[in-house]
Amino acid sequence: MLIYQCRHCGVEIGRLPKTRDTVKRLGLHDLSLEEQTQMVVEHSGATHIKCICESCEEALVRIPEYHQMERFIQ
């Protein structure tokens, strides 16, 4: 299972079945090793992909200083 999760607030954004075709189409293999380390985490048989939800994206636009923080929403 591929699980998209907000890296700031932790909310689950969505899930996709983990198939070779899905992973290839998403382009996860095209990420650099550093990007993969920051964005992709294997946990309990699932692949968690860290991204940003709409609420956190809006907060980042309104308050640019939040870019300096790993987690700004508790």
PDB file of N, CA and C in Angstrom:
ATOM      1  N   MET A   1       0.850  -1.176   0.000  1.00  0.00           N
ATOM      2  CA  MET A   1       0.000   0.000   0.000  1.00  0.00           C
ATOM      3  C   MET A   1       0.896   1.240   0.000  1.00  0.00           C
ATOM      4  N   LEU A   2       0.552   2.221  -0.793  1.00  0.00           N
ATOM      5  CA  LEU A   2       1.202   3.526  -0.795  1.00  0.00           C
ATOM      6  C   LEU A   2       0.295   4.491  -0.037  1.00  0.00           C
ATOM      7  N   ILE A   3       0.825   5.103   1.000  1.00  0.00           N
ATOM      8  CA  ILE A   3       0.027   5.999   1.831  1.00  0.00           C
ATOM      9  C   ILE A   3       0.626   7.396   1.766  1.00  0.00           C
ATOM     10  N   TYR A   4      -0.159   8.334   1.257  1.00  0.00           N
ATOM     11  CA  TYR A   4       0.273   9.733   1.218  1.00  0.00           C
ATOM     12  C   TYR A   4      -0.123  10.381   2.533  1.00  0.00           C
ATOM     13  N   GLN A   5       0.852  11.027   3.178  1.00  0.00           N
ATOM     14  CA  GLN A   5       0.630  11.604   4.501  1.00  0.00           C
ATOM     15  C   GLN A   5       1.306  12.967   4.570  1.00  0.00           C
ATOM     16  N   CYS A   6       0.623  13.941   5.162  1.00  0.00           N
ATOM     17  CA  CYS A   6       1.180  15.279   5.301  1.00  0.00           C
ATOM     18  C   CYS A   6       2.363  15.245   6.266  1.00  0.00           C
ATOM     19  N   ARG A   7       3.461  15.795   5.828  1.00  0.00           N
ATOM     20  CA  ARG A   7       4.663  15.779   6.676  1.00  0.00           C
ATOM     21  C   ARG A   7       4.596  16.791   7.805  1.00  0.00           C
ATOM     22  N   HIS A   8       3.646  17.696   7.768  1.00  0.00           N
ATOM     23  CA  HIS A   8       3.527  18.716   8.812  1.00  0.00           C
ATOM     24  C   HIS A   8       2.498  18.343   9.881  1.00  0.00           C
ATOM     25  N   CYS A   9       1.301  17.961   9.475  1.00  0.00           N
ATOM     26  CA  CYS A   9       0.245  17.677  10.455  1.00  0.00           C
ATOM     27  C   CYS A   9      -0.041  16.185  10.618  1.00  0.00           C
ATOM     28  N   GLY A  10       0.474  15.364   9.707  1.00  0.00           N
ATOM     29  CA  GLY A  10       0.314  13.922   9.830  1.00  0.00           C
ATOM     30  C   GLY A  10      -0.977  13.355   9.268  1.00  0.00           C
ATOM     31  N   VAL A  11      -1.867  14.182   8.731  1.00  0.00           N
ATOM     32  CA  VAL A  11      -3.136  13.695   8.198  1.00  0.00           C
ATOM     33  C   VAL A  11      -2.874  12.803   6.977  1.00  0.00           C
ATOM     34  N   GLU A  12      -3.656  11.736   6.870  1.00  0.00           N
ATOM     35  CA  GLU A  12      -3.557  10.869   5.697  1.00  0.00           C
ATOM     36  C   GLU A  12      -4.311  11.527   4.549  1.00  0.00           C
ATOM     37  N   ILE A  13      -3.635  11.685   3.425  1.00  0.00           N
ATOM     38  CA  ILE A  13      -4.223  12.355   2.268  1.00  0.00           C
ATOM     39  C   ILE A  13      -4.866  11.343   1.320  1.00  0.00           C
ATOM     40  N   GLY A  14      -4.257  10.163   1.206  1.00  0.00           N
ATOM     41  CA  GLY A  14      -4.824   9.148   0.325  1.00  0.00           C
ATOM     42  C   GLY A  14      -3.997   7.878   0.319  1.00  0.00           C
ATOM     43  N   ARG A  15      -4.566   6.832  -0.313  1.00  0.00           N
ATOM     44  CA  ARG A  15      -3.911   5.523  -0.421  1.00  0.00           C
ATOM     45  C   ARG A  15      -4.042   5.006  -1.844  1.00  0.00           C
ATOM     46  N   LEU A  16      -3.014   4.297  -2.263  1.00  0.00           N
ATOM     47  CA  LEU A  16      -3.027   3.620  -3.548  1.00  0.00           C
ATOM     48  C   LEU A  16      -2.491   2.211  -3.346  1.00  0.00           C
ATOM     49  N   PRO A  17      -2.960   1.261  -4.157  1.00  0.00           N
ATOM     50  CA  PRO A  17      -2.366  -0.075  -4.066  1.00  0.00           C
ATOM     51  C   PRO A  17      -0.917   0.002  -4.555  1.00  0.00           C
ATOM     52  N   LYS A  18      -0.051  -0.760  -3.915  1.00  0.00           N
ATOM     53  CA  LYS A  18       1.365  -0.734  -4.284  1.00  0.00           C
ATOM     54  C   LYS A  18       1.630  -1.830  -5.305  1.00  0.00           C
ATOM     55  N   THR A  19       1.702  -1.428  -6.546  1.00  0.00           N
ATOM     56  CA  THR A  19       2.054  -2.346  -7.626  1.00  0.00           C
ATOM     57  C   THR A  19       3.272  -1.787  -8.339  1.00  0.00           C
ATOM     58  N   ARG A  20       3.961  -2.627  -9.046  1.00  0.00           N
ATOM     59  CA  ARG A  20       5.153  -2.173  -9.789  1.00  0.00           C
ATOM     60  C   ARG A  20       4.784  -1.053 -10.752  1.00  0.00           C
ATOM     61  N   ASP A  21       3.626  -1.198 -11.415  1.00  0.00           N
ATOM     62  CA  ASP A  21       3.185  -0.183 -12.371  1.00  0.00           C
ATOM     63  C   ASP A  21       2.871   1.142 -11.678  1.00  0.00           C
ATOM     64  N   THR A  22       2.212   1.082 -10.519  1.00  0.00           N
ATOM     65  CA  THR A  22       1.867   2.304  -9.776  1.00  0.00           C
ATOM     66  C   THR A  22       3.124   3.043  -9.353  1.00  0.00           C
ATOM     67  N   VAL A  23       4.081   2.319  -8.782  1.00  0.00           N
ATOM     68  CA  VAL A  23       5.325   2.942  -8.318  1.00  0.00           C
ATOM     69  C   VAL A  23       6.069   3.560  -9.500  1.00  0.00           C
ATOM     70  N   LYS A  24       6.101   2.863 -10.623  1.00  0.00           N
ATOM     71  CA  LYS A  24       6.785   3.383 -11.819  1.00  0.00           C
ATOM     72  C   LYS A  24       6.104   4.650 -12.328  1.00  0.00           C
ATOM     73  N   ARG A  25       4.773   4.637 -12.396  1.00  0.00           N
ATOM     74  CA  ARG A  25       4.044   5.813 -12.897  1.00  0.00           C
ATOM     75  C   ARG A  25       4.177   7.018 -11.973  1.00  0.00           C
ATOM     76  N   LEU A  26       4.300   6.775 -10.670  1.00  0.00           N
ATOM     77  CA  LEU A  26       4.460   7.883  -9.725  1.00  0.00           C
ATOM     78  C   LEU A  26       5.850   8.515  -9.813  1.00  0.00           C
ATOM     79  N   GLY A  27       6.809   7.783 -10.352  1.00  0.00           N
ATOM     80  CA  GLY A  27       8.152   8.328 -10.518  1.00  0.00           C
ATOM     81  C   GLY A  27       8.992   8.332  -9.251  1.00  0.00           C
ATOM     82  N   LEU A  28       8.639   7.497  -8.281  1.00  0.00           N
ATOM     83  CA  LEU A  28       9.404   7.460  -7.036  1.00  0.00           C
ATOM     84  C   LEU A  28      10.856   7.068  -7.283  1.00  0.00           C
ATOM     85  N   HIS A  29      11.079   6.240  -8.304  1.00  0.00           N
ATOM     86  CA  HIS A  29      12.442   5.819  -8.631  1.00  0.00           C
ATOM     87  C   HIS A  29      13.272   6.957  -9.235  1.00  0.00           C
ATOM     88  N   ASP A  30      12.595   8.022  -9.696  1.00  0.00           N
ATOM     89  CA  ASP A  30      13.300   9.166 -10.277  1.00  0.00           C
ATOM     90  C   ASP A  30      13.814  10.147  -9.222  1.00  0.00           C
ATOM     91  N   LEU A  31      13.373   9.975  -7.969  1.00  0.00           N
ATOM     92  CA  LEU A  31      13.835  10.855  -6.892  1.00  0.00           C
ATOM     93  C   LEU A  31      15.296  10.562  -6.580  1.00  0.00           C
ATOM     94  N   SER A  32      16.026  11.595  -6.195  1.00  0.00           N
ATOM     95  CA  SER A  32      17.410  11.386  -5.762  1.00  0.00           C
ATOM     96  C   SER A  32      17.390  10.611  -4.445  1.00  0.00           C
ATOM     97  N   LEU A  33      18.519  10.058  -4.053  1.00  0.00           N
ATOM     98  CA  LEU A  33      18.603   9.318  -2.802  1.00  0.00           C
ATOM     99  C   LEU A  33      18.221  10.211  -1.626  1.00  0.00           C
ATOM    100  N   GLU A  34      18.649  11.469  -1.656  1.00  0.00           N
ATOM    101  CA  GLU A  34      18.313  12.419  -0.586  1.00  0.00           C
ATOM    102  C   GLU A  34      16.804  12.671  -0.543  1.00  0.00           C
ATOM    103  N   GLU A  35      16.194  12.858  -1.712  1.00  0.00           N
ATOM    104  CA  GLU A  35      14.744  13.079  -1.761  1.00  0.00           C
ATOM    105  C   GLU A  35      13.992  11.849  -1.261  1.00  0.00           C
ATOM    106  N   GLN A  36      14.444  10.665  -1.663  1.00  0.00           N
ATOM    107  CA  GLN A  36      13.802   9.443  -1.195  1.00  0.00           C
ATOM    108  C   GLN A  36      13.905   9.317   0.316  1.00  0.00           C
ATOM    109  N   THR A  37      15.056   9.660   0.870  1.00  0.00           N
ATOM    110  CA  THR A  37      15.246   9.582   2.315  1.00  0.00           C
ATOM    111  C   THR A  37      14.303  10.534   3.043  1.00  0.00           C
ATOM    112  N   GLN A  38      14.079  11.719   2.485  1.00  0.00           N
ATOM    113  CA  GLN A  38      13.229  12.722   3.114  1.00  0.00           C
ATOM    114  C   GLN A  38      11.740  12.446   2.914  1.00  0.00           C
ATOM    115  N   MET A  39      11.368  11.831   1.803  1.00  0.00           N
ATOM    116  CA  MET A  39       9.956  11.742   1.437  1.00  0.00           C
ATOM    117  C   MET A  39       9.335  10.356   1.540  1.00  0.00           C
ATOM    118  N   VAL A  40      10.131   9.302   1.484  1.00  0.00           N
ATOM    119  CA  VAL A  40       9.587   7.955   1.403  1.00  0.00           C
ATOM    120  C   VAL A  40      10.056   7.145   2.610  1.00  0.00           C
ATOM    121  N   VAL A  41       9.087   6.585   3.340  1.00  0.00           N
ATOM    122  CA  VAL A  41       9.398   5.800   4.535  1.00  0.00           C
ATOM    123  C   VAL A  41       8.653   4.468   4.455  1.00  0.00           C
ATOM    124  N   GLU A  42       9.366   3.369   4.618  1.00  0.00           N
ATOM    125  CA  GLU A  42       8.751   2.036   4.678  1.00  0.00           C
ATOM    126  C   GLU A  42       8.402   1.753   6.130  1.00  0.00           C
ATOM    127  N   HIS A  43       7.136   1.384   6.385  1.00  0.00           N
ATOM    128  CA  HIS A  43       6.702   1.122   7.754  1.00  0.00           C
ATOM    129  C   HIS A  43       5.566   0.104   7.741  1.00  0.00           C
ATOM    130  N   SER A  44       5.736  -0.977   8.461  1.00  0.00           N
ATOM    131  CA  SER A  44       4.708  -2.015   8.605  1.00  0.00           C
ATOM    132  C   SER A  44       4.202  -2.531   7.257  1.00  0.00           C
ATOM    133  N   GLY A  45       5.100  -2.714   6.311  1.00  0.00           N
ATOM    134  CA  GLY A  45       4.718  -3.248   5.013  1.00  0.00           C
ATOM    135  C   GLY A  45       4.113  -2.247   4.053  1.00  0.00           C
ATOM    136  N   ALA A  46       3.975  -1.011   4.474  1.00  0.00           N
ATOM    137  CA  ALA A  46       3.415   0.038   3.617  1.00  0.00           C
ATOM    138  C   ALA A  46       4.494   1.070   3.311  1.00  0.00           C
ATOM    139  N   THR A  47       4.334   1.752   2.202  1.00  0.00           N
ATOM    140  CA  THR A  47       5.229   2.840   1.836  1.00  0.00           C
ATOM    141  C   THR A  47       4.516   4.149   2.126  1.00  0.00           C
ATOM    142  N   HIS A  48       5.060   4.935   3.048  1.00  0.00           N
ATOM    143  CA  HIS A  48       4.488   6.235   3.402  1.00  0.00           C
ATOM    144  C   HIS A  48       5.232   7.309   2.617  1.00  0.00           C
ATOM    145  N   ILE A  49       4.474   8.122   1.910  1.00  0.00           N
ATOM    146  CA  ILE A  49       5.048   9.198   1.108  1.00  0.00           C
ATOM    147  C   ILE A  49       4.665  10.515   1.765  1.00  0.00           C
ATOM    148  N   LYS A  50       5.685  11.251   2.188  1.00  0.00           N
ATOM    149  CA  LYS A  50       5.452  12.530   2.858  1.00  0.00           C
ATOM    150  C   LYS A  50       5.228  13.616   1.812  1.00  0.00           C
ATOM    151  N   CYS A  51       4.120  14.330   1.964  1.00  0.00           N
ATOM    152  CA  CYS A  51       3.786  15.437   1.079  1.00  0.00           C
ATOM    153  C   CYS A  51       3.121  16.515   1.932  1.00  0.00           C
ATOM    154  N   ILE A  52       2.422  17.448   1.331  1.00  0.00           N
ATOM    155  CA  ILE A  52       1.806  18.536   2.089  1.00  0.00           C
ATOM    156  C   ILE A  52       0.322  18.594   1.748  1.00  0.00           C
ATOM    157  N   CYS A  53      -0.528  18.597   2.778  1.00  0.00           N
ATOM    158  CA  CYS A  53      -1.972  18.699   2.558  1.00  0.00           C
ATOM    159  C   CYS A  53      -2.347  20.143   2.215  1.00  0.00           C
ATOM    160  N   GLU A  54      -3.568  20.335   1.757  1.00  0.00           N
ATOM    161  CA  GLU A  54      -4.026  21.666   1.354  1.00  0.00           C
ATOM    162  C   GLU A  54      -4.003  22.665   2.510  1.00  0.00           C
ATOM    163  N   SER A  55      -4.408  22.228   3.697  1.00  0.00           N
ATOM    164  CA  SER A  55      -4.447  23.134   4.847  1.00  0.00           C
ATOM    165  C   SER A  55      -3.048  23.646   5.201  1.00  0.00           C
ATOM    166  N   CYS A  56      -2.085  22.738   5.216  1.00  0.00           N
ATOM    167  CA  CYS A  56      -0.712  23.147   5.550  1.00  0.00           C
ATOM    168  C   CYS A  56      -0.114  23.994   4.438  1.00  0.00           C
ATOM    169  N   GLU A  57      -0.448  23.686   3.187  1.00  0.00           N
ATOM    170  CA  GLU A  57       0.038  24.490   2.066  1.00  0.00           C
ATOM    171  C   GLU A  57      -0.487  25.925   2.190  1.00  0.00           C
ATOM    172  N   GLU A  58      -1.753  26.077   2.542  1.00  0.00           N
ATOM    173  CA  GLU A  58      -2.327  27.409   2.724  1.00  0.00           C
ATOM    174  C   GLU A  58      -1.636  28.144   3.874  1.00  0.00           C
ATOM    175  N   ALA A  59      -1.347  27.429   4.956  1.00  0.00           N
ATOM    176  CA  ALA A  59      -0.650  28.039   6.091  1.00  0.00           C
ATOM    177  C   ALA A  59       0.755  28.491   5.684  1.00  0.00           C
ATOM    178  N   LEU A  60       1.439  27.699   4.866  1.00  0.00           N
ATOM    179  CA  LEU A  60       2.782  28.059   4.404  1.00  0.00           C
ATOM    180  C   LEU A  60       2.748  29.311   3.518  1.00  0.00           C
ATOM    181  N   VAL A  61       1.687  29.449   2.739  1.00  0.00           N
ATOM    182  CA  VAL A  61       1.548  30.639   1.889  1.00  0.00           C
ATOM    183  C   VAL A  61       1.286  31.871   2.751  1.00  0.00           C
ATOM    184  N   ARG A  62       0.415  31.724   3.763  1.00  0.00           N
ATOM    185  CA  ARG A  62       0.076  32.866   4.630  1.00  0.00           C
ATOM    186  C   ARG A  62       1.229  33.258   5.549  1.00  0.00           C
ATOM    187  N   ILE A  63       1.969  32.257   6.037  1.00  0.00           N
ATOM    188  CA  ILE A  63       3.033  32.521   7.008  1.00  0.00           C
ATOM    189  C   ILE A  63       4.316  31.830   6.524  1.00  0.00           C
ATOM    190  N   PRO A  64       5.077  32.484   5.666  1.00  0.00           N
ATOM    191  CA  PRO A  64       6.275  31.875   5.076  1.00  0.00           C
ATOM    192  C   PRO A  64       7.320  31.419   6.099  1.00  0.00           C
ATOM    193  N   GLU A  65       7.308  31.971   7.291  1.00  0.00           N
ATOM    194  CA  GLU A  65       8.272  31.562   8.319  1.00  0.00           C
ATOM    195  C   GLU A  65       8.104  30.091   8.695  1.00  0.00           C
ATOM    196  N   TYR A  66       6.934  29.521   8.439  1.00  0.00           N
ATOM    197  CA  TYR A  66       6.688  28.117   8.748  1.00  0.00           C
ATOM    198  C   TYR A  66       7.597  27.183   7.946  1.00  0.00           C
ATOM    199  N   HIS A  67       8.112  27.655   6.814  1.00  0.00           N
ATOM    200  CA  HIS A  67       9.007  26.830   6.006  1.00  0.00           C
ATOM    201  C   HIS A  67      10.241  26.410   6.798  1.00  0.00           C
ATOM    202  N   GLN A  68      10.600  27.148   7.811  1.00  0.00           N
ATOM    203  CA  GLN A  68      11.784  26.850   8.610  1.00  0.00           C
ATOM    204  C   GLN A  68      11.525  25.742   9.626  1.00  0.00           C
ATOM    205  N   MET A  69      10.264  25.366   9.831  1.00  0.00           N
ATOM    206  CA  MET A  69       9.909  24.384  10.856  1.00  0.00           C
ATOM    207  C   MET A  69       9.539  23.050  10.229  1.00  0.00           C
ATOM    208  N   GLU A  70       9.922  21.970  10.891  1.00  0.00           N
ATOM    209  CA  GLU A  70       9.547  20.621  10.445  1.00  0.00           C
ATOM    210  C   GLU A  70       8.044  20.402  10.651  1.00  0.00           C
ATOM    211  N   ARG A  71       7.553  20.723  11.855  1.00  0.00           N
ATOM    212  CA  ARG A  71       6.130  20.602  12.185  1.00  0.00           C
ATOM    213  C   ARG A  71       5.662  21.916  12.791  1.00  0.00           C
ATOM    214  N   PHE A  72       4.721  22.545  12.154  1.00  0.00           N
ATOM    215  CA  PHE A  72       4.210  23.818  12.665  1.00  0.00           C
ATOM    216  C   PHE A  72       2.774  23.704  13.149  1.00  0.00           C
ATOM    217  N   ILE A  73       2.131  22.586  12.888  1.00  0.00           N
ATOM    218  CA  ILE A  73       0.762  22.361  13.353  1.00  0.00           C
ATOM    219  C   ILE A  73       0.824  21.187  14.319  1.00  0.00           C
ATOM    220  N   GLN A  74       0.391  21.411  15.529  1.00  0.00           N
ATOM    221  CA  GLN A  74       0.473  20.361  16.557  1.00  0.00           C
ATOM    222  C   GLN A  74      -0.833  19.626  16.677  1.00  0.00           C
TER     223      GLN A  74
END
